N, C-alpha and C. Protein backbone atom coordinates (compact mmCIF):
# COMPACT_ATOMS: atom_id res chain seq x y z
N ARG A 1 0.82 -1.20 0.00
CA ARG A 1 0.00 0.00 0.00
C ARG A 1 0.86 1.26 0.00
N LEU A 2 1.98 1.21 0.70
CA LEU A 2 2.86 2.37 0.72
C LEU A 2 3.53 2.56 -0.65
N GLY A 3 3.82 1.45 -1.33
CA GLY A 3 4.35 1.55 -2.69
C GLY A 3 3.36 2.22 -3.61
N LEU A 4 2.08 1.87 -3.49
CA LEU A 4 1.04 2.50 -4.30
C LEU A 4 0.91 3.99 -3.98
N GLU A 5 1.01 4.30 -2.69
CA GLU A 5 0.84 5.69 -2.26
C GLU A 5 2.00 6.59 -2.71
N ARG A 6 3.21 6.04 -2.68
CA ARG A 6 4.40 6.89 -2.83
C ARG A 6 5.09 6.81 -4.18
N ALA A 7 4.60 5.96 -5.09
CA ALA A 7 5.29 5.79 -6.36
C ALA A 7 4.31 5.86 -7.52
N ASP A 8 4.82 6.29 -8.68
CA ASP A 8 3.96 6.35 -9.86
C ASP A 8 4.35 5.34 -10.94
N THR A 9 5.34 4.49 -10.64
CA THR A 9 5.69 3.40 -11.56
C THR A 9 5.96 2.14 -10.72
N ALA A 10 5.93 1.01 -11.39
CA ALA A 10 6.20 -0.26 -10.70
C ALA A 10 7.61 -0.28 -10.11
N GLU A 11 8.58 0.17 -10.87
CA GLU A 11 9.96 0.13 -10.36
C GLU A 11 10.14 1.08 -9.17
N LYS A 12 9.49 2.24 -9.21
CA LYS A 12 9.58 3.15 -8.06
C LYS A 12 8.90 2.54 -6.83
N ALA A 13 7.80 1.82 -7.03
CA ALA A 13 7.13 1.15 -5.91
C ALA A 13 8.03 0.07 -5.33
N LEU A 14 8.74 -0.64 -6.19
CA LEU A 14 9.72 -1.63 -5.74
C LEU A 14 10.75 -0.96 -4.84
N THR A 15 11.25 0.19 -5.27
CA THR A 15 12.24 0.92 -4.48
C THR A 15 11.67 1.35 -3.13
N VAL A 16 10.43 1.83 -3.11
CA VAL A 16 9.79 2.22 -1.85
C VAL A 16 9.75 1.02 -0.90
N ILE A 17 9.31 -0.12 -1.42
CA ILE A 17 9.16 -1.31 -0.57
C ILE A 17 10.51 -1.77 -0.03
N VAL A 18 11.54 -1.85 -0.89
CA VAL A 18 12.83 -2.36 -0.39
C VAL A 18 13.49 -1.36 0.54
N ASP A 19 13.29 -0.07 0.33
CA ASP A 19 13.84 0.92 1.26
C ASP A 19 13.19 0.77 2.64
N LEU A 20 11.88 0.57 2.67
CA LEU A 20 11.19 0.37 3.95
C LEU A 20 11.60 -0.95 4.60
N LEU A 21 11.76 -1.98 3.78
CA LEU A 21 12.19 -3.29 4.29
C LEU A 21 13.58 -3.19 4.93
N GLU A 22 14.50 -2.50 4.25
CA GLU A 22 15.85 -2.38 4.78
C GLU A 22 15.88 -1.52 6.06
N LYS A 23 14.99 -0.53 6.13
CA LYS A 23 14.98 0.35 7.30
C LYS A 23 14.25 -0.29 8.49
N TYR A 24 13.11 -0.95 8.24
CA TYR A 24 12.26 -1.43 9.34
C TYR A 24 12.18 -2.96 9.45
N GLY A 25 12.62 -3.67 8.43
CA GLY A 25 12.48 -5.13 8.45
C GLY A 25 11.03 -5.52 8.24
N GLN A 26 10.73 -6.77 8.55
CA GLN A 26 9.36 -7.26 8.41
C GLN A 26 9.08 -8.22 9.54
N GLY A 27 7.86 -8.50 9.74
CA GLY A 27 7.48 -9.40 10.82
C GLY A 27 6.03 -9.25 11.15
N GLY A 28 5.64 -9.81 12.25
CA GLY A 28 4.25 -9.77 12.65
C GLY A 28 3.58 -11.09 12.37
N ASN A 29 2.59 -11.37 13.15
CA ASN A 29 1.88 -12.63 13.02
C ASN A 29 1.00 -12.62 11.77
N CYS A 30 0.94 -13.74 11.07
CA CYS A 30 0.13 -13.86 9.86
C CYS A 30 -1.29 -14.31 10.15
N MET A 31 -1.59 -14.55 11.38
CA MET A 31 -2.93 -15.04 11.75
C MET A 31 -3.46 -14.23 12.91
N GLU A 32 -4.77 -14.12 12.99
CA GLU A 32 -5.38 -13.41 14.11
C GLU A 32 -5.45 -14.26 15.36
N SER A 33 -5.25 -15.56 15.22
CA SER A 33 -5.29 -16.44 16.38
C SER A 33 -4.04 -16.23 17.23
N HIS A 34 -3.97 -16.93 18.34
CA HIS A 34 -2.82 -16.79 19.24
C HIS A 34 -1.63 -17.62 18.78
N MET A 35 -1.82 -18.46 17.77
CA MET A 35 -0.72 -19.25 17.24
C MET A 35 0.28 -18.32 16.54
N ALA A 36 1.52 -18.41 16.91
CA ALA A 36 2.54 -17.57 16.28
C ALA A 36 2.96 -18.18 14.95
N PHE A 37 2.75 -17.46 13.87
CA PHE A 37 3.14 -17.94 12.55
C PHE A 37 3.52 -16.73 11.71
N THR A 38 4.75 -16.71 11.26
CA THR A 38 5.22 -15.62 10.41
C THR A 38 5.90 -16.19 9.18
N TYR A 39 5.97 -15.41 8.13
CA TYR A 39 6.77 -15.77 6.96
C TYR A 39 7.17 -14.50 6.24
N HIS A 40 8.03 -14.64 5.28
CA HIS A 40 8.51 -13.48 4.53
C HIS A 40 7.66 -13.29 3.29
N ASN A 41 7.68 -12.11 2.74
CA ASN A 41 6.69 -11.72 1.74
C ASN A 41 7.22 -11.71 0.32
N SER A 42 6.28 -11.91 -0.58
CA SER A 42 6.52 -11.81 -2.02
C SER A 42 5.49 -10.84 -2.58
N PHE A 43 5.87 -10.14 -3.64
CA PHE A 43 5.00 -9.13 -4.22
C PHE A 43 5.02 -9.22 -5.74
N LEU A 44 3.85 -9.03 -6.36
CA LEU A 44 3.75 -8.77 -7.79
C LEU A 44 3.48 -7.27 -7.90
N ILE A 45 4.34 -6.55 -8.61
CA ILE A 45 4.21 -5.10 -8.72
C ILE A 45 4.15 -4.77 -10.20
N ALA A 46 3.07 -4.11 -10.62
CA ALA A 46 2.91 -3.84 -12.05
C ALA A 46 2.32 -2.46 -12.29
N ASP A 47 2.68 -1.90 -13.44
CA ASP A 47 2.03 -0.70 -13.94
C ASP A 47 1.69 -0.97 -15.41
N ARG A 48 1.34 0.03 -16.16
CA ARG A 48 0.96 -0.16 -17.56
C ARG A 48 2.12 -0.64 -18.44
N LYS A 49 3.34 -0.37 -18.03
CA LYS A 49 4.49 -0.64 -18.89
C LYS A 49 5.39 -1.78 -18.44
N GLU A 50 5.40 -2.09 -17.15
CA GLU A 50 6.30 -3.14 -16.68
C GLU A 50 5.78 -3.80 -15.42
N ALA A 51 6.36 -4.96 -15.15
CA ALA A 51 5.99 -5.71 -13.96
C ALA A 51 7.24 -6.28 -13.31
N TRP A 52 7.19 -6.41 -12.00
CA TRP A 52 8.30 -6.94 -11.20
C TRP A 52 7.77 -7.96 -10.21
N VAL A 53 8.62 -8.93 -9.88
CA VAL A 53 8.39 -9.83 -8.76
C VAL A 53 9.45 -9.47 -7.73
N LEU A 54 9.02 -9.24 -6.50
CA LEU A 54 9.93 -8.95 -5.39
C LEU A 54 9.72 -10.04 -4.35
N GLU A 55 10.80 -10.68 -3.94
CA GLU A 55 10.74 -11.70 -2.89
C GLU A 55 11.74 -11.37 -1.81
N THR A 56 11.36 -11.68 -0.56
CA THR A 56 12.15 -11.26 0.58
C THR A 56 12.49 -12.41 1.50
N SER A 57 13.58 -12.24 2.21
CA SER A 57 13.99 -13.16 3.26
C SER A 57 14.64 -12.29 4.34
N GLY A 58 13.88 -12.01 5.39
CA GLY A 58 14.36 -11.05 6.38
C GLY A 58 14.50 -9.70 5.71
N LYS A 59 15.66 -9.06 5.89
CA LYS A 59 15.87 -7.76 5.23
C LYS A 59 16.46 -7.93 3.84
N TYR A 60 16.79 -9.16 3.47
CA TYR A 60 17.39 -9.43 2.16
C TYR A 60 16.31 -9.67 1.13
N TRP A 61 16.60 -9.31 -0.12
CA TRP A 61 15.58 -9.39 -1.15
C TRP A 61 16.20 -9.55 -2.53
N ALA A 62 15.40 -10.05 -3.44
CA ALA A 62 15.77 -10.15 -4.85
C ALA A 62 14.54 -9.74 -5.67
N ALA A 63 14.78 -9.11 -6.81
CA ALA A 63 13.69 -8.68 -7.68
C ALA A 63 13.97 -9.12 -9.11
N GLU A 64 12.92 -9.55 -9.76
CA GLU A 64 13.00 -10.00 -11.15
C GLU A 64 12.04 -9.17 -11.99
N LYS A 65 12.55 -8.57 -13.06
CA LYS A 65 11.68 -7.86 -14.00
C LYS A 65 11.01 -8.90 -14.89
N VAL A 66 9.70 -8.84 -14.99
CA VAL A 66 8.95 -9.78 -15.82
C VAL A 66 9.05 -9.30 -17.25
N GLU A 67 9.62 -10.13 -18.11
CA GLU A 67 9.86 -9.74 -19.50
C GLU A 67 8.78 -10.21 -20.46
N GLY A 68 7.91 -11.11 -20.02
CA GLY A 68 6.84 -11.59 -20.89
C GLY A 68 6.28 -12.88 -20.35
N GLY A 69 5.27 -13.40 -21.03
CA GLY A 69 4.66 -14.65 -20.62
C GLY A 69 3.82 -14.46 -19.37
N VAL A 70 3.79 -15.47 -18.53
CA VAL A 70 3.03 -15.41 -17.28
C VAL A 70 4.00 -15.58 -16.12
N ARG A 71 3.61 -15.06 -14.96
CA ARG A 71 4.46 -15.16 -13.77
C ARG A 71 3.56 -15.19 -12.56
N ASN A 72 3.86 -16.04 -11.60
CA ASN A 72 3.08 -16.10 -10.38
C ASN A 72 3.99 -16.18 -9.17
N ILE A 73 3.39 -15.95 -8.01
CA ILE A 73 4.08 -16.11 -6.74
C ILE A 73 3.18 -16.94 -5.86
N SER A 74 3.74 -17.50 -4.82
CA SER A 74 2.95 -18.24 -3.85
C SER A 74 3.69 -18.21 -2.53
N ASN A 75 3.50 -19.23 -1.73
CA ASN A 75 4.11 -19.25 -0.41
C ASN A 75 5.48 -19.92 -0.43
N GLN A 76 6.28 -19.57 -1.40
CA GLN A 76 7.66 -20.04 -1.49
C GLN A 76 8.43 -19.05 -2.36
N LEU A 77 9.74 -19.06 -2.25
CA LEU A 77 10.55 -18.21 -3.12
C LEU A 77 10.56 -18.82 -4.51
N SER A 78 10.51 -17.98 -5.54
CA SER A 78 10.49 -18.47 -6.91
C SER A 78 11.50 -17.79 -7.81
N ILE A 79 12.16 -16.75 -7.33
CA ILE A 79 13.21 -16.12 -8.13
C ILE A 79 14.45 -16.99 -8.00
N THR A 80 14.96 -17.44 -9.13
CA THR A 80 16.12 -18.33 -9.10
C THR A 80 17.36 -17.55 -9.53
N THR A 81 17.79 -17.66 -10.77
CA THR A 81 19.04 -17.03 -11.21
C THR A 81 18.82 -15.73 -11.98
N LYS A 82 17.61 -15.44 -12.41
CA LYS A 82 17.33 -14.18 -13.11
C LYS A 82 16.99 -13.13 -12.06
N ILE A 83 18.01 -12.43 -11.63
CA ILE A 83 17.86 -11.39 -10.61
C ILE A 83 18.25 -10.07 -11.25
N ASP A 84 17.30 -9.14 -11.31
CA ASP A 84 17.55 -7.85 -11.96
C ASP A 84 17.91 -6.75 -10.97
N ARG A 85 17.46 -6.89 -9.73
CA ARG A 85 17.87 -6.00 -8.64
C ARG A 85 17.97 -6.84 -7.39
N GLU A 86 18.85 -6.46 -6.47
CA GLU A 86 19.02 -7.25 -5.25
C GLU A 86 19.54 -6.39 -4.11
N HIS A 87 19.33 -6.88 -2.90
CA HIS A 87 19.90 -6.25 -1.72
C HIS A 87 21.42 -6.20 -1.92
N PRO A 88 22.07 -5.10 -1.61
CA PRO A 88 23.51 -4.98 -1.87
C PRO A 88 24.38 -6.02 -1.16
N GLU A 89 23.89 -6.60 -0.07
CA GLU A 89 24.68 -7.60 0.65
C GLU A 89 24.09 -9.01 0.53
N LEU A 90 23.18 -9.22 -0.42
CA LEU A 90 22.48 -10.49 -0.56
C LEU A 90 23.43 -11.67 -0.71
N LYS A 91 24.37 -11.57 -1.64
CA LYS A 91 25.28 -12.68 -1.92
C LYS A 91 26.33 -12.83 -0.82
N GLU A 92 26.83 -11.72 -0.31
CA GLU A 92 27.84 -11.78 0.75
C GLU A 92 27.27 -12.42 2.01
N TYR A 93 26.03 -12.08 2.34
CA TYR A 93 25.37 -12.66 3.52
C TYR A 93 25.22 -14.18 3.34
N ALA A 94 24.80 -14.60 2.16
CA ALA A 94 24.65 -16.03 1.88
C ALA A 94 26.01 -16.74 1.96
N LYS A 95 27.03 -16.09 1.45
CA LYS A 95 28.38 -16.67 1.49
C LYS A 95 28.88 -16.78 2.93
N SER A 96 28.66 -15.74 3.73
CA SER A 96 29.14 -15.75 5.11
C SER A 96 28.43 -16.79 5.97
N ASN A 97 27.24 -17.20 5.57
CA ASN A 97 26.50 -18.23 6.29
C ASN A 97 26.73 -19.63 5.74
N GLY A 98 27.56 -19.74 4.71
CA GLY A 98 27.86 -21.05 4.13
C GLY A 98 26.76 -21.60 3.24
N TRP A 99 25.84 -20.74 2.79
CA TRP A 99 24.74 -21.18 1.94
C TRP A 99 25.13 -21.20 0.47
N TRP A 100 26.17 -20.44 0.13
CA TRP A 100 26.61 -20.29 -1.27
C TRP A 100 28.12 -20.20 -1.27
N ASP A 101 28.76 -20.90 -2.19
CA ASP A 101 30.23 -20.94 -2.21
C ASP A 101 30.86 -19.77 -2.95
N GLY A 102 30.07 -18.93 -3.59
CA GLY A 102 30.61 -17.79 -4.31
C GLY A 102 31.12 -18.13 -5.70
N GLU A 103 31.09 -19.40 -6.06
CA GLU A 103 31.61 -19.81 -7.37
C GLU A 103 30.50 -20.24 -8.33
N LYS A 104 29.61 -21.11 -7.86
CA LYS A 104 28.54 -21.53 -8.77
C LYS A 104 27.54 -20.38 -8.94
N GLU A 105 26.71 -20.48 -9.99
CA GLU A 105 25.74 -19.43 -10.26
C GLU A 105 24.82 -19.25 -9.05
N PHE A 106 24.57 -18.01 -8.70
CA PHE A 106 23.75 -17.70 -7.53
C PHE A 106 22.27 -17.92 -7.86
N ASP A 107 21.59 -18.68 -7.01
CA ASP A 107 20.16 -18.99 -7.16
C ASP A 107 19.49 -18.55 -5.87
N PHE A 108 18.72 -17.46 -5.94
CA PHE A 108 18.11 -16.89 -4.73
C PHE A 108 17.22 -17.89 -4.01
N ALA A 109 16.29 -18.52 -4.73
CA ALA A 109 15.35 -19.45 -4.09
C ALA A 109 16.08 -20.64 -3.47
N ALA A 110 17.04 -21.19 -4.18
CA ALA A 110 17.77 -22.34 -3.66
C ALA A 110 18.63 -21.96 -2.46
N THR A 111 19.17 -20.76 -2.46
CA THR A 111 20.07 -20.32 -1.39
C THR A 111 19.32 -19.88 -0.13
N TYR A 112 18.21 -19.19 -0.29
CA TYR A 112 17.50 -18.61 0.84
C TYR A 112 16.26 -19.39 1.29
N SER A 113 16.05 -20.58 0.74
CA SER A 113 14.89 -21.37 1.18
C SER A 113 15.23 -22.84 1.18
N TYR A 114 14.28 -23.61 1.67
CA TYR A 114 14.43 -25.06 1.73
C TYR A 114 13.82 -25.73 0.50
N VAL A 115 13.25 -24.97 -0.41
CA VAL A 115 12.56 -25.53 -1.58
C VAL A 115 13.55 -26.01 -2.62
N ASN A 116 13.30 -27.18 -3.18
CA ASN A 116 14.09 -27.68 -4.30
C ASN A 116 13.59 -26.96 -5.54
N THR A 117 14.35 -25.98 -6.03
CA THR A 117 13.87 -25.13 -7.12
C THR A 117 13.69 -25.90 -8.42
N ALA A 118 14.36 -27.01 -8.59
CA ALA A 118 14.18 -27.80 -9.80
C ALA A 118 12.78 -28.42 -9.85
N ARG A 119 12.13 -28.54 -8.69
CA ARG A 119 10.80 -29.17 -8.63
C ARG A 119 9.67 -28.15 -8.51
N MET A 120 9.96 -26.86 -8.49
CA MET A 120 8.93 -25.86 -8.25
C MET A 120 7.77 -25.94 -9.24
N THR A 121 8.07 -26.15 -10.51
CA THR A 121 7.01 -26.15 -11.51
C THR A 121 6.50 -27.55 -11.81
N THR A 122 6.98 -28.56 -11.11
CA THR A 122 6.49 -29.91 -11.35
C THR A 122 5.85 -30.55 -10.12
N SER A 123 6.04 -29.98 -8.95
CA SER A 123 5.43 -30.55 -7.75
C SER A 123 3.99 -30.10 -7.64
N GLY A 124 3.24 -30.66 -6.72
CA GLY A 124 1.81 -30.38 -6.61
C GLY A 124 1.44 -29.20 -5.76
N GLY A 125 2.34 -28.36 -5.37
CA GLY A 125 2.04 -27.24 -4.49
C GLY A 125 1.32 -26.10 -5.18
N ARG A 126 0.96 -25.10 -4.40
CA ARG A 126 0.20 -23.95 -4.91
C ARG A 126 0.94 -23.22 -6.02
N TYR A 127 2.25 -23.05 -5.86
CA TYR A 127 3.00 -22.35 -6.91
C TYR A 127 2.89 -23.10 -8.23
N CYS A 128 3.12 -24.38 -8.18
CA CYS A 128 3.06 -25.22 -9.37
C CYS A 128 1.67 -25.19 -10.00
N GLU A 129 0.66 -25.32 -9.18
CA GLU A 129 -0.71 -25.35 -9.71
C GLU A 129 -1.08 -24.01 -10.33
N GLY A 130 -0.67 -22.91 -9.71
CA GLY A 130 -0.90 -21.59 -10.28
C GLY A 130 -0.18 -21.42 -11.60
N TYR A 131 1.05 -21.90 -11.65
CA TYR A 131 1.86 -21.85 -12.87
C TYR A 131 1.16 -22.61 -14.00
N LYS A 132 0.65 -23.79 -13.68
CA LYS A 132 -0.05 -24.60 -14.69
C LYS A 132 -1.32 -23.90 -15.18
N LEU A 133 -2.11 -23.38 -14.27
CA LEU A 133 -3.35 -22.71 -14.66
C LEU A 133 -3.08 -21.47 -15.51
N LEU A 134 -2.07 -20.69 -15.16
CA LEU A 134 -1.73 -19.51 -15.96
C LEU A 134 -1.23 -19.91 -17.33
N ASN A 135 -0.37 -20.92 -17.40
CA ASN A 135 0.16 -21.37 -18.69
C ASN A 135 -0.92 -21.96 -19.59
N LYS A 136 -1.92 -22.58 -18.99
CA LYS A 136 -3.03 -23.15 -19.76
C LYS A 136 -3.74 -22.05 -20.56
N HIS A 137 -3.77 -20.83 -20.01
CA HIS A 137 -4.47 -19.72 -20.65
C HIS A 137 -3.52 -18.65 -21.21
N LYS A 138 -2.21 -18.95 -21.25
CA LYS A 138 -1.21 -17.95 -21.68
C LYS A 138 -1.60 -17.37 -23.04
N GLY A 139 -1.59 -16.07 -23.14
CA GLY A 139 -1.92 -15.38 -24.38
C GLY A 139 -3.39 -15.02 -24.50
N SER A 140 -4.22 -15.56 -23.62
CA SER A 140 -5.65 -15.26 -23.70
C SER A 140 -6.27 -15.06 -22.32
N ILE A 141 -5.48 -14.58 -21.38
CA ILE A 141 -5.99 -14.38 -20.01
C ILE A 141 -6.85 -13.12 -19.98
N THR A 142 -8.06 -13.28 -19.50
CA THR A 142 -8.97 -12.16 -19.29
C THR A 142 -9.17 -12.00 -17.79
N SER A 143 -9.84 -10.92 -17.41
CA SER A 143 -10.11 -10.74 -15.98
C SER A 143 -10.99 -11.88 -15.47
N GLU A 144 -11.92 -12.37 -16.29
CA GLU A 144 -12.79 -13.47 -15.87
C GLU A 144 -11.99 -14.75 -15.65
N ILE A 145 -11.04 -15.04 -16.52
CA ILE A 145 -10.20 -16.23 -16.37
C ILE A 145 -9.34 -16.09 -15.11
N MET A 146 -8.81 -14.90 -14.87
CA MET A 146 -7.98 -14.69 -13.68
C MET A 146 -8.81 -14.90 -12.42
N MET A 147 -10.04 -14.42 -12.42
CA MET A 147 -10.92 -14.63 -11.26
C MET A 147 -11.21 -16.12 -11.06
N GLU A 148 -11.39 -16.83 -12.15
CA GLU A 148 -11.63 -18.28 -12.08
C GLU A 148 -10.41 -18.98 -11.46
N ILE A 149 -9.23 -18.57 -11.87
CA ILE A 149 -8.00 -19.16 -11.31
C ILE A 149 -7.91 -18.88 -9.81
N LEU A 150 -8.20 -17.65 -9.40
CA LEU A 150 -8.11 -17.29 -7.98
C LEU A 150 -9.18 -17.96 -7.13
N ARG A 151 -10.26 -18.40 -7.76
CA ARG A 151 -11.32 -19.13 -7.04
C ARG A 151 -11.04 -20.62 -6.93
N ASP A 152 -10.03 -21.12 -7.62
CA ASP A 152 -9.77 -22.55 -7.73
C ASP A 152 -9.38 -23.16 -6.38
N LYS A 153 -10.22 -24.02 -5.87
CA LYS A 153 -9.97 -24.66 -4.57
C LYS A 153 -9.15 -25.94 -4.73
N GLU A 154 -9.37 -26.66 -5.82
CA GLU A 154 -8.65 -27.93 -6.03
C GLU A 154 -7.14 -27.73 -6.06
N SER A 155 -6.70 -26.62 -6.64
CA SER A 155 -5.27 -26.33 -6.75
C SER A 155 -4.67 -25.86 -5.43
N GLY A 156 -5.51 -25.42 -4.51
CA GLY A 156 -5.03 -24.84 -3.26
C GLY A 156 -4.83 -23.34 -3.34
N ILE A 157 -5.07 -22.75 -4.52
CA ILE A 157 -4.92 -21.30 -4.65
C ILE A 157 -5.94 -20.59 -3.76
N ASN A 158 -7.20 -21.04 -3.79
CA ASN A 158 -8.21 -20.54 -2.88
C ASN A 158 -8.22 -21.48 -1.69
N MET A 159 -7.52 -21.10 -0.63
CA MET A 159 -7.31 -21.99 0.51
C MET A 159 -8.47 -21.93 1.49
N GLU A 160 -8.75 -23.09 2.07
CA GLU A 160 -9.76 -23.21 3.12
C GLU A 160 -9.12 -23.89 4.32
N GLY A 161 -9.76 -23.78 5.46
CA GLY A 161 -9.25 -24.47 6.64
C GLY A 161 -8.50 -23.53 7.56
N GLY A 162 -7.45 -24.04 8.21
CA GLY A 162 -6.68 -23.27 9.17
C GLY A 162 -6.04 -22.04 8.56
N PHE A 163 -5.57 -22.18 7.34
CA PHE A 163 -4.99 -21.05 6.61
C PHE A 163 -5.92 -20.77 5.44
N MET A 164 -6.58 -19.61 5.49
CA MET A 164 -7.54 -19.28 4.45
C MET A 164 -6.99 -18.16 3.59
N THR A 165 -7.43 -18.16 2.32
CA THR A 165 -7.15 -17.02 1.47
C THR A 165 -7.76 -15.80 2.13
N THR A 166 -7.01 -14.71 2.20
CA THR A 166 -7.51 -13.52 2.90
C THR A 166 -8.04 -12.45 1.96
N GLY A 167 -7.82 -12.61 0.68
CA GLY A 167 -8.32 -11.65 -0.28
C GLY A 167 -7.66 -11.86 -1.63
N SER A 168 -8.31 -11.39 -2.67
CA SER A 168 -7.76 -11.50 -4.01
C SER A 168 -8.01 -10.21 -4.76
N MET A 169 -7.16 -9.96 -5.76
CA MET A 169 -7.26 -8.75 -6.56
C MET A 169 -6.91 -9.11 -8.00
N VAL A 170 -7.68 -8.58 -8.93
CA VAL A 170 -7.41 -8.72 -10.36
C VAL A 170 -7.37 -7.31 -10.93
N SER A 171 -6.32 -7.00 -11.68
CA SER A 171 -6.20 -5.68 -12.30
C SER A 171 -6.06 -5.80 -13.80
N VAL A 172 -6.71 -4.90 -14.50
CA VAL A 172 -6.58 -4.77 -15.95
C VAL A 172 -5.83 -3.47 -16.17
N LEU A 173 -4.62 -3.56 -16.75
CA LEU A 173 -3.75 -2.39 -16.92
C LEU A 173 -3.44 -2.19 -18.40
N PRO A 174 -4.32 -1.55 -19.15
CA PRO A 174 -4.05 -1.35 -20.58
C PRO A 174 -2.81 -0.50 -20.80
N GLN A 175 -2.04 -0.83 -21.83
CA GLN A 175 -0.83 -0.04 -22.11
C GLN A 175 -1.17 1.33 -22.69
N GLN A 176 -2.35 1.47 -23.29
CA GLN A 176 -2.77 2.76 -23.84
C GLN A 176 -3.19 3.68 -22.70
N PRO A 177 -2.52 4.83 -22.55
CA PRO A 177 -2.81 5.71 -21.41
C PRO A 177 -4.21 6.32 -21.42
N ASN A 178 -4.89 6.32 -22.56
CA ASN A 178 -6.23 6.90 -22.61
C ASN A 178 -7.31 5.93 -22.11
N LEU A 179 -6.95 4.66 -21.90
CA LEU A 179 -7.89 3.68 -21.38
C LEU A 179 -7.72 3.58 -19.86
N PRO A 180 -8.84 3.44 -19.13
CA PRO A 180 -8.74 3.39 -17.66
C PRO A 180 -8.22 2.03 -17.18
N CYS A 181 -7.53 2.05 -16.06
CA CYS A 181 -7.17 0.81 -15.38
C CYS A 181 -8.39 0.39 -14.56
N ILE A 182 -8.59 -0.92 -14.46
CA ILE A 182 -9.73 -1.45 -13.72
C ILE A 182 -9.20 -2.42 -12.68
N HIS A 183 -9.68 -2.31 -11.44
CA HIS A 183 -9.22 -3.16 -10.35
C HIS A 183 -10.42 -3.82 -9.68
N PHE A 184 -10.35 -5.14 -9.53
CA PHE A 184 -11.39 -5.90 -8.86
C PHE A 184 -10.81 -6.45 -7.55
N PHE A 185 -11.53 -6.26 -6.45
CA PHE A 185 -11.11 -6.77 -5.14
C PHE A 185 -12.22 -7.64 -4.58
N THR A 186 -11.84 -8.66 -3.82
CA THR A 186 -12.87 -9.44 -3.13
C THR A 186 -13.39 -8.63 -1.95
N GLY A 187 -14.67 -8.81 -1.65
CA GLY A 187 -15.28 -8.13 -0.51
C GLY A 187 -15.23 -8.98 0.74
N THR A 188 -14.86 -10.24 0.59
CA THR A 188 -14.76 -11.16 1.72
C THR A 188 -13.46 -11.95 1.53
N PRO A 189 -13.01 -12.69 2.52
CA PRO A 189 -11.80 -13.49 2.34
C PRO A 189 -11.93 -14.56 1.26
N ASP A 190 -13.13 -15.04 0.96
CA ASP A 190 -13.32 -16.14 0.03
C ASP A 190 -13.51 -15.61 -1.39
N PRO A 191 -12.54 -15.82 -2.28
CA PRO A 191 -12.68 -15.35 -3.67
C PRO A 191 -13.86 -15.98 -4.41
N ALA A 192 -14.37 -17.10 -3.91
CA ALA A 192 -15.54 -17.72 -4.54
C ALA A 192 -16.79 -16.87 -4.35
N ARG A 193 -16.76 -15.94 -3.43
CA ARG A 193 -17.92 -15.06 -3.19
C ARG A 193 -17.77 -13.77 -3.96
């Protein structure tokens, strides 16, 4: 929300978010219950001309400029070796902790998480299922198709149970500046409503 408030482009919003992250860090409980559960955040940031994926681990972060096709995020890191912007100490911190030897190609997701990045798009998790659904419609995604994907319970994208989807948003961002941008938000936590 602060990125939206303080920036007029996707890349400037990225800068707002990482500056705040580096200054204040992140944290806080992800649930309203008394169970303590936290995780680090991922963001899809887009304007009419460009889109970015920003993923975080503590105060460290990596950003990937989306060059085309489809791109999704979920509850795991997905930026691997295509890193277009990064925390200035990202690689040095990984090296000092013994997570990366400094010689092989740096892979953010493999270095900063427990996920086997080779299996991200083939395993049955939410990221994989979202990737499959987006690719099924690549080149013909409409706002209605995107809403259908966000409502999908079988894939786990629309979560039920102890961890529920808390909201969904679909935006239409025409590249022509004379056309309005349109944003759809859920009014309840359940995108099926």
